[in-house]
């Protein structure tokens, strides 16, 4: 097959406007965009994709907001075979006609019967127009705008299929990484095949989520967020499962592929801001707050937050949220330990038979018959917890959920002489953990509808 530019070249106009997605461009893309532009045969300028969709389609306000915040940036480009190589008997490569940059077909996503060519960086994907338009309003609009029979733009390229047959195929340049585009198209054709939420999986899923948000592929965006929510959940039960799995991974020494079970919280927070996925933020902020400031900002090679290269830091407002939330979580730990031994929670069952208390409770398993002994036990437990978490800063000292769980197990019902008090302590700890989880969004100032990306 040979691709050649059309014999009649369209009139050139100005380059597409810059947008937040311009940060994704590599140097080669930037140089290419400076010399190649969208062509129009009837109008000197065209409305951007977000404007056209808002007029032509009745989309949700959420999608319109996402599209307006990060409008897809595309252009038309011309490709051809290197004829000099063909004359020399060498298999010709494909080049950008205007810049001379060599481009390559994707090894898998190049279909001979494809009806549109998407270029990302220097990789070409020949795919089916109907497949893109079926899943994405943006691709639908983009493809219709650049279709030879219906468009105001002469965007097609002549693709020869043998000696006599030929057809025109539009070529669209996407300002996205080739890896992300490849993962998105693979998910559209084969369905998403997500992994186990480790760092390699996060790189794939985050790229799919960014592009499914950018191009309004709603079903794929929802699946990507649901998958990420397994590792960054919005409910306590899921968090406990995630945390148990993480501890087991760490105790086994990690894996050969990666010593880190989950991606860096910085990366998750940045992604959640970029794609407007606020449900991921609370867990990511809380996970980050469980480390000391030294471990967060100056991690050594053997510490969990160390990455090479280091991920981009938080913006100023999110850094402020982290500091405020971390302070609140430390205060919660102190309050937990103090409340465990406060006298107001102790009620003698004979004096208050119907009273609800943390440490004295009438139940089918019996009541406390030795209040003085249990009071002494709890005083000793408070001293032990204070020394362990507040003075010695042992494991979990920055994690109020972990501390609450540990406090509830200090007086085990299986071995304690006073099973009533032991079970009451466990129940109290469980209730406190539920309260802590509900407070996390407030600690990190994520409440009050704070879901939009913050200017950097």
Protein backbone atom coordinates (compact mmCIF):
# COMPACT_ATOMS: atom_id res chain seq x y z
CA UNK A 1 0.00 0.00 0.00
CA UNK A 2 1.24 3.49 -0.81
CA UNK A 3 -0.05 6.67 0.71
CA UNK A 4 0.35 9.95 -1.10
CA UNK A 5 -0.88 13.44 -0.36
CA UNK A 6 -3.90 14.59 -2.39
CA UNK A 7 -3.15 16.26 -5.68
CA UNK A 8 -5.08 19.38 -4.70
CA UNK A 9 -3.64 20.90 -1.57
CA UNK A 10 -5.95 22.79 0.78
CA UNK A 11 -5.43 26.38 1.76
CA UNK A 12 -3.43 26.80 4.98
CA UNK A 13 -4.67 28.66 8.05
CA UNK A 14 -3.36 29.36 11.54
CA UNK A 15 -2.27 26.70 13.99
CA UNK A 16 -4.77 25.25 16.46
CA UNK A 17 -5.02 27.13 19.74
CA UNK A 18 -2.93 25.97 22.65
CA UNK A 19 -4.59 24.18 25.52
CA UNK A 20 -3.72 22.37 28.74
CA UNK A 21 -3.02 19.28 26.64
CA UNK A 22 -0.03 21.01 25.08
CA UNK A 23 1.99 19.77 28.06
CA UNK A 24 1.78 16.31 26.54
CA UNK A 25 3.67 17.31 23.41
CA UNK A 26 7.17 16.10 22.87
CA UNK A 27 9.76 18.39 21.22
CA UNK A 28 9.18 16.67 17.86
CA UNK A 29 5.46 17.36 18.09
CA UNK A 30 6.03 20.99 18.93
CA UNK A 31 8.30 21.51 15.96
CA UNK A 32 5.80 19.75 13.74
CA UNK A 33 2.90 21.88 14.93
CA UNK A 34 4.79 25.04 14.12
CA UNK A 35 4.95 24.13 10.45
CA UNK A 36 1.70 22.24 9.84
CA UNK A 37 -1.83 23.49 10.41
CA UNK A 38 -5.48 22.66 9.89
CA UNK A 39 -6.70 23.41 6.40
CA UNK A 40 -10.04 24.83 5.37
CA UNK A 41 -11.53 25.42 1.96
CA UNK A 42 -14.36 27.74 2.98
CA UNK A 43 -13.54 29.42 6.28
CA UNK A 44 -10.36 31.03 7.66
CA UNK A 45 -11.00 29.52 11.07
CA UNK A 46 -13.11 26.80 12.65
CA UNK A 47 -14.69 26.50 16.09
CA UNK A 48 -12.85 24.11 18.39
CA UNK A 49 -14.23 20.63 19.01
CA UNK A 50 -15.81 21.52 22.35
CA UNK A 51 -17.78 24.35 20.72
CA UNK A 52 -18.98 22.17 17.86
CA UNK A 53 -20.08 19.38 20.19
CA UNK A 54 -21.91 21.71 22.54
CA UNK A 55 -23.93 22.91 19.55
CA UNK A 56 -24.45 19.59 17.81
CA UNK A 57 -24.95 17.23 20.74
CA UNK A 58 -26.91 17.31 23.98
CA UNK A 59 -24.16 16.17 26.33
CA UNK A 60 -24.17 16.28 30.12
CA UNK A 61 -22.96 19.33 31.99
CA UNK A 62 -20.17 17.27 33.58
CA UNK A 63 -18.83 16.18 30.20
CA UNK A 64 -19.12 19.68 28.81
CA UNK A 65 -17.16 21.02 31.79
CA UNK A 66 -14.45 18.39 31.33
CA UNK A 67 -14.27 19.11 27.62
CA UNK A 68 -14.05 22.85 28.13
CA UNK A 69 -11.33 22.48 30.76
CA UNK A 70 -9.14 20.39 28.46
CA UNK A 71 -10.33 20.62 24.85
CA UNK A 72 -8.87 18.00 22.51
CA UNK A 73 -6.28 19.49 20.21
CA UNK A 74 -5.90 17.99 16.76
CA UNK A 75 -4.72 18.91 13.31
CA UNK A 76 -4.49 17.39 9.85
CA UNK A 77 -1.19 16.12 8.58
CA UNK A 78 0.18 14.77 5.32
CA UNK A 79 2.20 11.60 4.95
CA UNK A 80 3.85 9.82 2.04
CA UNK A 81 6.39 7.16 1.28
CA UNK A 82 10.04 8.12 0.95
CA UNK A 83 10.30 7.83 -2.84
CA UNK A 84 14.11 8.10 -2.77
CA UNK A 85 14.30 4.84 -0.84
CA UNK A 86 11.90 3.17 -3.27
CA UNK A 87 14.18 4.05 -6.21
CA UNK A 88 17.15 2.54 -4.41
CA UNK A 89 15.29 -0.75 -3.96
CA UNK A 90 14.93 -0.27 -0.22
CA UNK A 91 11.58 -0.78 1.47
CA UNK A 92 10.35 2.83 1.76
CA UNK A 93 9.52 4.40 5.07
CA UNK A 94 6.64 6.77 5.75
CA UNK A 95 7.52 10.41 6.32
CA UNK A 96 5.73 13.59 7.28
CA UNK A 97 5.55 15.46 3.99
CA UNK A 98 6.10 18.89 5.48
CA UNK A 99 8.70 18.18 8.16
CA UNK A 100 10.46 15.14 6.73
CA UNK A 101 10.11 13.33 10.06
CA UNK A 102 9.97 9.54 9.72
CA UNK A 103 6.91 7.90 11.25
CA UNK A 104 6.11 4.26 11.96
CA UNK A 105 3.01 2.12 11.78
CA UNK A 106 1.86 0.64 15.06
CA UNK A 107 2.72 -3.04 15.12
CA UNK A 108 -0.81 -4.16 16.04
CA UNK A 109 -3.25 -1.29 15.52
CA UNK A 110 -2.90 -0.95 11.75
CA UNK A 111 -5.86 -2.44 9.91
CA UNK A 112 -5.71 -2.71 6.12
CA UNK A 113 -9.41 -1.89 5.93
CA UNK A 114 -9.12 1.01 8.38
CA UNK A 115 -10.88 4.22 7.43
CA UNK A 116 -8.99 6.82 9.48
CA UNK A 117 -5.32 7.22 10.41
CA UNK A 118 -4.56 8.66 13.83
CA UNK A 119 -1.05 9.92 14.38
CA UNK A 120 0.33 10.29 17.91
CA UNK A 121 3.92 11.48 18.20
CA UNK A 122 5.59 9.50 15.39
CA UNK A 123 3.34 6.45 15.49
CA UNK A 124 0.46 5.79 13.08
CA UNK A 125 -2.74 3.91 13.88
CA UNK A 126 -4.96 2.92 10.97
CA UNK A 127 -8.31 2.17 12.59
CA UNK A 128 -12.01 2.22 11.82
CA UNK A 129 -13.90 5.46 11.80
CA UNK A 130 -17.12 3.77 12.92
CA UNK A 131 -15.41 2.20 15.95
CA UNK A 132 -14.15 5.57 17.17
CA UNK A 133 -17.39 7.41 16.47
CA UNK A 134 -19.44 4.70 18.19
CA UNK A 135 -17.72 5.26 21.54
CA UNK A 136 -16.79 8.94 21.47
CA UNK A 137 -18.68 12.12 20.64
CA UNK A 138 -15.37 13.88 20.12
CA UNK A 139 -14.09 11.31 17.63
CA UNK A 140 -17.49 11.33 15.96
CA UNK A 141 -17.33 15.09 15.54
CA UNK A 142 -13.68 15.03 14.52
CA UNK A 143 -14.16 12.31 11.94
CA UNK A 144 -17.27 13.85 10.44
CA UNK A 145 -15.49 17.18 10.15
CA UNK A 146 -12.60 15.59 8.27
CA UNK A 147 -14.63 13.19 6.10
CA UNK A 148 -14.07 13.93 2.39
CA UNK A 149 -17.75 13.80 1.41
CA UNK A 150 -19.22 15.80 4.30
CA UNK A 151 -16.46 18.09 5.52
CA UNK A 152 -15.50 21.64 4.76
CA UNK A 153 -11.90 20.44 5.08
CA UNK A 154 -9.99 18.55 2.42
CA UNK A 155 -8.25 16.25 4.87
CA UNK A 156 -8.06 12.94 3.04
CA UNK A 157 -5.00 11.21 1.70
CA UNK A 158 -4.78 8.87 -1.23
CA UNK A 159 -4.11 5.29 -0.16
CA UNK A 160 -3.36 2.89 -3.01
CA UNK A 161 -4.48 -0.73 -2.69
CA UNK A 162 -2.91 -2.38 -5.65
CA UNK A 163 -2.41 -1.11 -9.18
CA UNK A 164 -5.92 0.12 -9.82
CA UNK A 165 -7.79 0.44 -6.54
CA UNK A 166 -7.32 3.40 -4.26
CA UNK A 167 -9.25 5.28 -1.61
CA UNK A 168 -8.93 8.43 0.42
CA UNK A 169 -8.28 8.14 4.16
CA UNK A 170 -8.26 11.09 6.57
CA UNK A 171 -5.20 11.52 8.77
CA UNK A 172 -5.66 13.19 12.15
CA UNK A 173 -2.79 14.27 14.39
CA UNK A 174 -3.51 13.76 18.12
CA UNK A 175 -1.48 15.69 20.67
CA UNK A 176 -1.15 12.69 22.98
CA UNK A 177 1.55 10.16 23.73
CA UNK A 178 1.67 7.19 21.39
CA UNK A 179 1.58 4.80 24.36
CA UNK A 180 -1.64 6.34 25.72
CA UNK A 181 -3.33 6.36 22.32
CA UNK A 182 -2.34 2.75 21.74
CA UNK A 183 -3.75 1.70 25.10
CA UNK A 184 -6.99 3.62 24.48
CA UNK A 185 -7.53 2.10 21.04
CA UNK A 186 -6.73 -1.39 22.34
CA UNK A 187 -9.33 -0.94 25.08
CA UNK A 188 -11.90 0.26 22.52
CA UNK A 189 -11.33 -2.75 20.27
CA UNK A 190 -10.68 -5.53 22.79
CA UNK A 191 -12.25 -4.14 25.94
CA UNK A 192 -10.22 -2.97 28.94
CA UNK A 193 -7.87 -5.54 30.41
CA UNK A 194 -6.78 -3.90 33.64
CA UNK A 195 -4.21 -5.43 35.97
CA UNK A 196 -3.66 -5.40 39.73
CA UNK A 197 -3.29 -1.64 40.36
CA UNK A 198 0.48 -1.74 40.68
CA UNK A 199 2.65 0.97 39.15
CA UNK A 200 2.81 -0.60 35.69
CA UNK A 201 -0.94 -1.05 35.64
CA UNK A 202 -1.43 2.53 36.85
CA UNK A 203 0.60 3.87 33.94
CA UNK A 204 -1.70 2.09 31.48
CA UNK A 205 -4.96 2.85 33.27
CA UNK A 206 -4.09 6.50 33.89
CA UNK A 207 -3.39 7.00 30.18
CA UNK A 208 -6.70 5.39 29.27
CA UNK A 209 -8.50 7.51 31.86
CA UNK A 210 -6.93 10.74 30.62
CA UNK A 211 -7.84 10.09 27.00
CA UNK A 212 -11.30 8.63 27.71
CA UNK A 213 -11.99 11.83 29.65
CA UNK A 214 -10.52 14.03 26.95
CA UNK A 215 -12.41 12.35 24.10
CA UNK A 216 -15.61 11.66 26.06
CA UNK A 217 -15.50 7.88 26.02
CA UNK A 218 -17.86 7.68 28.97
CA UNK A 219 -18.08 3.90 29.46
CA UNK A 220 -14.30 3.47 29.41
CA UNK A 221 -13.79 6.40 31.77
CA UNK A 222 -16.24 4.89 34.27
CA UNK A 223 -14.51 1.49 34.10
CA UNK A 224 -11.09 3.04 34.62
CA UNK A 225 -12.22 5.00 37.69
CA UNK A 226 -13.95 1.91 39.11
CA UNK A 227 -10.73 -0.06 38.70
CA UNK A 228 -8.58 2.62 40.35
CA UNK A 229 -11.10 2.80 43.20
CA UNK A 230 -10.07 -0.71 44.24
CA UNK A 231 -6.71 0.70 45.32
CA UNK A 232 -7.99 4.17 46.25
CA UNK A 233 -11.45 3.44 47.67
CA UNK A 234 -14.11 5.68 49.15
CA UNK A 235 -15.33 3.29 51.87
CA UNK A 236 -13.61 1.87 54.94
CA UNK A 237 -14.22 -1.81 54.19
CA UNK A 238 -12.50 -1.53 50.81
CA UNK A 239 -9.67 0.46 52.38
CA UNK A 240 -9.06 -2.27 54.96
CA UNK A 241 -8.87 -4.90 52.22
CA UNK A 242 -6.45 -2.73 50.30
CA UNK A 243 -4.33 -2.07 53.39
CA UNK A 244 -4.19 -5.76 54.35
CA UNK A 245 -3.02 -6.62 50.86
CA UNK A 246 -0.39 -3.89 50.98
CA UNK A 247 0.96 -5.08 54.35
CA UNK A 248 1.16 -8.64 53.07
CA UNK A 249 3.05 -7.44 49.99
CA UNK A 250 5.52 -5.48 52.12
CA UNK A 251 6.06 -8.36 54.54
CA UNK A 252 7.00 -10.60 51.62
CA UNK A 253 9.59 -8.09 50.45
CA UNK A 254 7.73 -6.80 47.41
CA UNK A 255 8.24 -8.36 44.02
CA UNK A 256 11.08 -8.61 41.55
CA UNK A 257 9.28 -6.33 39.11
CA UNK A 258 8.63 -3.54 41.61
CA UNK A 259 9.21 -3.03 45.33
CA UNK A 260 6.13 -0.81 45.46
CA UNK A 261 2.65 -2.30 45.61
CA UNK A 262 0.84 0.88 44.58
CA UNK A 263 1.81 4.03 42.68
CA UNK A 264 3.00 7.12 44.48
CA UNK A 265 0.08 9.10 45.99
CA UNK A 266 1.40 12.21 44.22
CA UNK A 267 0.64 10.55 40.89
CA UNK A 268 -2.87 9.56 41.97
CA UNK A 269 -3.70 13.05 43.27
CA UNK A 270 -2.37 14.65 40.10
CA UNK A 271 -4.40 12.29 37.92
CA UNK A 272 -7.58 12.80 39.97
CA UNK A 273 -7.21 16.56 39.57
CA UNK A 274 -6.52 16.29 35.85
CA UNK A 275 -9.53 14.11 35.02
CA UNK A 276 -11.86 15.42 37.74
CA UNK A 277 -12.15 12.15 39.68
CA UNK A 278 -12.62 13.41 43.27
CA UNK A 279 -13.55 9.97 44.60
CA UNK A 280 -9.85 9.02 44.46
CA UNK A 281 -8.56 11.99 46.43
CA UNK A 282 -9.42 11.15 50.05
CA UNK A 283 -7.66 7.77 50.01
CA UNK A 284 -4.62 9.20 48.21
CA UNK A 285 -4.23 12.12 50.62
CA UNK A 286 -4.71 9.85 53.62
CA UNK A 287 -2.19 7.32 52.33
CA UNK A 288 0.37 10.09 51.83
CA UNK A 289 -0.26 11.52 55.32
CA UNK A 290 0.72 8.22 56.94
CA UNK A 291 4.38 9.03 56.32
CA UNK A 292 6.59 11.57 58.08
CA UNK A 293 7.43 14.82 56.31
CA UNK A 294 11.01 13.59 55.89
CA UNK A 295 9.74 10.43 54.18
CA UNK A 296 7.45 12.49 51.94
CA UNK A 297 9.90 15.19 50.87
CA UNK A 298 13.29 13.48 51.27
CA UNK A 299 12.70 9.72 50.99
CA UNK A 300 15.74 7.46 51.03
CA UNK A 301 16.13 4.64 48.54
CA UNK A 302 14.82 2.00 50.95
CA UNK A 303 11.64 3.93 51.89
CA UNK A 304 8.19 3.35 50.36
CA UNK A 305 7.80 6.80 48.77
CA UNK A 306 11.13 6.77 46.97
CA UNK A 307 10.85 6.83 43.19
CA UNK A 308 13.41 7.40 40.49
CA UNK A 309 12.72 9.72 38.85
CA UNK A 310 10.66 11.47 41.51
CA UNK A 311 7.03 12.23 40.54
CA UNK A 312 5.99 15.87 40.07
CA UNK A 313 5.27 17.49 43.46
CA UNK A 314 1.86 18.62 44.63
CA UNK A 315 0.70 22.11 43.79
CA UNK A 316 0.73 24.69 46.58
CA UNK A 317 -2.94 24.32 47.54
CA UNK A 318 -2.82 20.53 47.66
CA UNK A 319 0.38 20.72 49.69
CA UNK A 320 -1.50 22.95 52.12
CA UNK A 321 -4.32 20.40 52.26
CA UNK A 322 -1.79 17.67 53.03
CA UNK A 323 -0.27 19.63 55.93
CA UNK A 324 -3.66 20.53 57.41
CA UNK A 325 -4.93 16.97 57.07
CA UNK A 326 -1.79 15.49 58.55
CA UNK A 327 -2.09 17.80 61.56
CA UNK A 328 -5.74 16.80 62.02
CA UNK A 329 -4.89 13.09 61.85
CA UNK A 330 -2.21 13.50 64.53
CA UNK A 331 -4.70 15.25 66.76
CA UNK A 332 -7.14 12.37 66.18
CA UNK A 333 -4.57 9.86 67.41
CA UNK A 334 -3.97 11.82 70.61
CA UNK A 335 -7.72 12.11 71.18
CA UNK A 336 -8.19 8.37 70.63
CA UNK A 337 -5.62 7.43 73.23
CA UNK A 338 -6.90 9.92 75.76
CA UNK A 339 -10.54 8.89 75.35
CA UNK A 340 -9.71 5.22 75.91
CA UNK A 341 -8.83 5.92 79.54
CA UNK A 342 -11.18 8.79 80.37
CA UNK A 343 -13.42 8.08 83.34
CA UNK A 344 -16.57 9.34 81.62
CA UNK A 345 -16.68 6.16 79.54
CA UNK A 346 -16.74 3.86 82.58
CA UNK A 347 -20.15 3.00 84.01
CA UNK A 348 -20.74 0.45 86.78
CA UNK A 349 -23.40 -1.93 85.43
CA UNK A 350 -25.16 -2.30 88.78
CA UNK A 351 -25.59 1.46 89.07
CA UNK A 352 -26.56 2.06 85.46
CA UNK A 353 -27.94 -1.18 84.08
CA UNK A 354 -29.29 0.41 80.84
CA UNK A 355 -26.35 2.73 80.21
CA UNK A 356 -24.35 2.47 76.99
CA UNK A 357 -20.63 2.63 77.68
CA UNK A 358 -17.43 1.95 75.85
CA UNK A 359 -16.03 -0.25 78.59
CA UNK A 360 -18.99 -1.45 80.65
CA UNK A 361 -21.82 -3.03 78.82
CA UNK A 362 -24.51 -5.54 79.77
CA UNK A 363 -24.72 -8.21 77.08
CA UNK A 364 -25.38 -11.86 76.53
CA UNK A 365 -21.73 -12.53 77.32
CA UNK A 366 -21.97 -10.98 80.78
CA UNK A 367 -20.96 -7.81 82.55
CA UNK A 368 -17.80 -6.46 84.14
CA UNK A 369 -17.59 -7.80 87.69
CA UNK A 370 -14.21 -6.23 88.52
CA UNK A 371 -14.42 -2.53 87.66
CA UNK A 372 -11.36 -1.58 89.70
CA UNK A 373 -9.17 -4.18 87.97
CA UNK A 374 -10.38 -3.19 84.52
CA UNK A 375 -9.92 0.50 85.31
CA UNK A 376 -6.32 -0.25 86.22
CA UNK A 377 -5.88 -2.29 83.03
CA UNK A 378 -7.13 0.57 80.86
CA UNK A 379 -4.85 3.06 82.61
CA UNK A 380 -1.89 0.82 81.85
CA UNK A 381 -3.05 0.42 78.23
CA UNK A 382 -3.28 4.18 77.80
CA UNK A 383 0.27 4.56 79.12
CA UNK A 384 1.46 1.81 76.78
CA UNK A 385 -0.24 3.37 73.75
CA UNK A 386 1.05 6.84 74.62
CA UNK A 387 4.61 5.55 74.82
CA UNK A 388 4.32 3.51 71.65
CA UNK A 389 2.56 5.93 69.30
CA UNK A 390 3.24 9.42 70.70
CA UNK A 391 6.72 9.15 72.20
CA UNK A 392 8.50 6.31 70.41
CA UNK A 393 6.76 6.97 67.07
CA UNK A 394 6.52 3.29 66.26
CA UNK A 395 4.84 1.79 63.19
CA UNK A 396 1.46 3.34 62.51
CA UNK A 397 2.07 6.47 64.57
CA UNK A 398 0.80 8.66 61.70
CA UNK A 399 -2.16 6.42 60.86
CA UNK A 400 -5.22 6.95 63.08
CA UNK A 401 -7.12 4.06 61.47
CA UNK A 402 -4.23 1.74 62.29
CA UNK A 403 -3.97 3.11 65.83
CA UNK A 404 -7.70 2.72 66.47
CA UNK A 405 -7.56 -0.87 65.23
CA UNK A 406 -4.57 -1.55 67.49
CA UNK A 407 -6.24 -0.02 70.53
CA UNK A 408 -9.29 -2.22 70.02
CA UNK A 409 -7.10 -5.32 70.15
CA UNK A 410 -5.11 -4.41 73.26
CA UNK A 411 -7.53 -6.26 75.52
CA UNK A 412 -8.30 -9.38 73.51
CA UNK A 413 -11.66 -11.00 74.27
CA UNK A 414 -10.12 -14.41 73.63
CA UNK A 415 -7.53 -14.12 76.39
CA UNK A 416 -8.87 -11.40 78.66
CA UNK A 417 -10.32 -12.31 82.03
CA UNK A 418 -13.07 -9.70 81.46
CA UNK A 419 -14.61 -10.58 78.13
CA UNK A 420 -17.34 -7.95 78.49
CA UNK A 421 -14.84 -5.09 78.68
CA UNK A 422 -12.68 -6.58 75.92
CA UNK A 423 -15.62 -6.82 73.53
CA UNK A 424 -16.76 -3.35 74.50
CA UNK A 425 -13.29 -2.00 73.66
CA UNK A 426 -13.37 -3.69 70.25
CA UNK A 427 -16.80 -2.21 69.53
CA UNK A 428 -15.63 1.24 70.58
CA UNK A 429 -12.58 1.00 68.30
CA UNK A 430 -14.74 -0.06 65.34
CA UNK A 431 -17.05 2.91 65.86
CA UNK A 432 -14.11 5.29 66.16
CA UNK A 433 -12.63 3.99 62.90
CA UNK A 434 -15.91 4.67 61.10
CA UNK A 435 -15.91 8.22 62.48
CA UNK A 436 -12.30 8.73 61.41
CA UNK A 437 -13.00 7.57 57.86
CA UNK A 438 -15.91 9.98 57.53
CA UNK A 439 -13.73 12.84 58.76
CA UNK A 440 -10.89 12.31 56.26
CA UNK A 441 -12.39 14.50 53.49
CA UNK A 442 -12.84 17.31 56.02
CA UNK A 443 -9.31 16.96 57.38
CA UNK A 444 -7.86 17.45 53.91
CA UNK A 445 -10.37 20.16 52.91
CA UNK A 446 -11.91 17.97 50.21
CA UNK A 447 -15.48 18.67 51.31
CA UNK A 448 -17.89 21.36 50.04
CA UNK A 449 -17.83 20.15 46.47
CA UNK A 450 -14.09 20.72 46.08
CA UNK A 451 -13.74 18.53 43.01
CA UNK A 452 -12.43 20.77 40.23
CA UNK A 453 -8.80 20.87 39.15
CA UNK A 454 -6.81 23.55 40.96
CA UNK A 455 -4.80 26.04 38.87
CA UNK A 456 -1.11 25.27 39.04
